[in-house]
Amino acid sequence: MSERRKLTREERQTVLDRFCGRCAYCGKQITMQELNVDHLVPIRKGGEDMLYNMYPSCRSCNQAKSTLDIEQFREFVQTAYQRAKQKPFFRIADAVGRTCERETPVRFYFEKII
């Protein structure tokens, strides 16, 4: 397993610029201060601590992805509606028409622009 290293400011900027200052997953515009550097292939799963494996991420996506690989994260996002339906507040919102489920497969921002 690779060791994590501290990135230089220039390396962080390179990661941020990879997708024009947007989160690689949701596409949200992020600043250098908001940047979370995510390993596309998690280090715990054999990913390397190299720039080619580092993607810009917003805090929400980075925390949600955690140590999931990209297919596990896709499944996590794809099933979010079903998990949310179990919560009382969501059932109320659903009952009054404030939610909708989509059948389309999850495609992350970086997959749409490549």
Protein backbone atom coordinates (compact mmCIF):
# COMPACT_ATOMS: atom_id res chain seq x y z
CA MET A 1 0.00 0.00 0.00
CA SER A 2 1.33 3.42 -0.96
CA GLU A 3 1.97 6.06 1.67
CA ARG A 4 0.13 9.36 1.39
CA ARG A 5 2.28 12.38 0.82
CA LYS A 6 1.62 16.06 1.32
CA LEU A 7 0.89 17.74 -2.00
CA THR A 8 2.54 20.99 -2.97
CA ARG A 9 0.35 23.97 -3.85
CA GLU A 10 1.28 23.43 -7.51
CA GLU A 11 0.21 19.78 -7.36
CA ARG A 12 -3.10 20.74 -5.72
CA GLN A 13 -3.64 23.31 -8.48
CA THR A 14 -2.91 20.65 -11.12
CA VAL A 15 -5.56 18.38 -9.57
CA LEU A 16 -8.07 21.25 -9.36
CA ASP A 17 -7.43 22.23 -12.98
CA ARG A 18 -7.98 18.66 -14.23
CA PHE A 19 -11.72 19.36 -14.57
CA CYS A 20 -11.61 23.17 -14.79
CA GLY A 21 -12.16 23.69 -11.07
CA ARG A 22 -15.09 21.30 -10.79
CA CYS A 23 -15.70 18.26 -8.61
CA ALA A 24 -14.97 15.17 -10.71
CA TYR A 25 -18.09 13.48 -9.37
CA CYS A 26 -20.96 15.99 -9.09
CA GLY A 27 -19.53 18.78 -11.25
CA LYS A 28 -19.88 21.48 -8.58
CA GLN A 29 -17.52 24.43 -9.04
CA ILE A 30 -14.95 24.38 -6.21
CA THR A 31 -12.18 26.69 -5.11
CA MET A 32 -8.69 25.78 -3.98
CA GLN A 33 -9.87 26.22 -0.37
CA GLU A 34 -12.79 23.85 -0.94
CA LEU A 35 -10.72 21.27 -2.82
CA ASN A 36 -10.57 17.76 -1.43
CA VAL A 37 -8.13 15.58 -3.36
CA ASP A 38 -9.64 12.13 -3.88
CA HIS A 39 -7.85 9.01 -5.05
CA LEU A 40 -9.95 7.56 -7.87
CA VAL A 41 -8.61 4.11 -6.95
CA PRO A 42 -8.40 4.26 -3.14
CA ILE A 43 -4.98 3.71 -1.61
CA ARG A 44 -6.53 1.01 0.60
CA LYS A 45 -7.49 -0.84 -2.58
CA GLY A 46 -4.11 -0.65 -4.26
CA GLY A 47 -4.33 2.84 -5.77
CA GLU A 48 -1.18 4.88 -6.01
CA ASP A 49 -0.57 8.24 -4.41
CA MET A 50 0.29 9.76 -7.80
CA LEU A 51 -1.25 12.72 -9.60
CA TYR A 52 -2.84 10.54 -12.31
CA ASN A 53 -4.91 8.84 -9.57
CA MET A 54 -5.98 12.11 -7.89
CA TYR A 55 -9.26 13.78 -8.78
CA PRO A 56 -10.72 17.06 -7.54
CA SER A 57 -13.65 16.54 -5.22
CA CYS A 58 -16.04 18.64 -3.17
CA ARG A 59 -16.25 17.77 0.52
CA SER A 60 -19.64 16.03 0.17
CA CYS A 61 -18.54 13.71 -2.63
CA ASN A 62 -15.19 12.98 -0.99
CA GLN A 63 -16.83 12.05 2.31
CA ALA A 64 -19.50 9.94 0.60
CA LYS A 65 -17.00 8.11 -1.62
CA SER A 66 -14.61 7.51 1.29
CA THR A 67 -12.69 4.31 0.42
CA LEU A 68 -15.19 3.06 -2.17
CA ASP A 69 -13.93 2.33 -5.66
CA ILE A 70 -15.73 4.07 -8.52
CA GLU A 71 -18.21 1.24 -9.16
CA GLN A 72 -19.07 0.96 -5.46
CA PHE A 73 -19.56 4.73 -5.33
CA ARG A 74 -21.77 4.59 -8.44
CA GLU A 75 -23.92 1.92 -6.74
CA PHE A 76 -24.06 4.01 -3.55
CA VAL A 77 -25.34 7.04 -5.51
CA GLN A 78 -27.68 4.91 -7.66
CA THR A 79 -29.40 3.51 -4.55
CA ALA A 80 -29.59 6.79 -2.60
CA TYR A 81 -33.27 7.28 -3.42
CA GLN A 82 -34.20 3.86 -2.07
CA ARG A 83 -32.23 4.45 1.14
CA ALA A 84 -33.73 7.91 1.59
CA LYS A 85 -37.28 6.52 1.20
CA GLN A 86 -36.80 4.75 4.51
CA LYS A 87 -36.56 8.09 6.36
CA PRO A 88 -39.79 9.68 7.70
CA PHE A 89 -39.01 13.17 6.39
CA PHE A 90 -38.41 11.79 2.92
CA ARG A 91 -41.68 9.82 2.91
CA ILE A 92 -43.52 13.06 3.65
CA ALA A 93 -41.68 14.94 0.89
CA ASP A 94 -42.36 12.06 -1.50
CA ALA A 95 -46.06 12.03 -0.59
CA VAL A 96 -46.42 15.72 -1.49
CA GLY A 97 -44.54 15.33 -4.76
CA ARG A 98 -41.24 16.95 -3.78
CA THR A 99 -39.04 14.03 -4.86
CA CYS A 100 -38.57 11.93 -7.95
CA GLU A 101 -36.70 8.76 -8.80
CA ARG A 102 -34.74 8.52 -12.02
CA GLU A 103 -34.10 5.34 -13.90
CA THR A 104 -31.05 6.66 -15.74
CA PRO A 105 -27.68 5.18 -14.81
CA VAL A 106 -25.33 7.29 -12.70
CA ARG A 107 -22.67 9.04 -14.77
CA PHE A 108 -20.17 11.16 -12.90
CA TYR A 109 -19.06 14.56 -14.16
CA PHE A 110 -15.65 13.29 -15.27
CA GLU A 111 -17.33 10.59 -17.37
CA LYS A 112 -19.52 13.13 -19.14
CA ILE A 113 -16.67 15.38 -20.25
CA ILE A 114 -14.09 12.80 -21.27
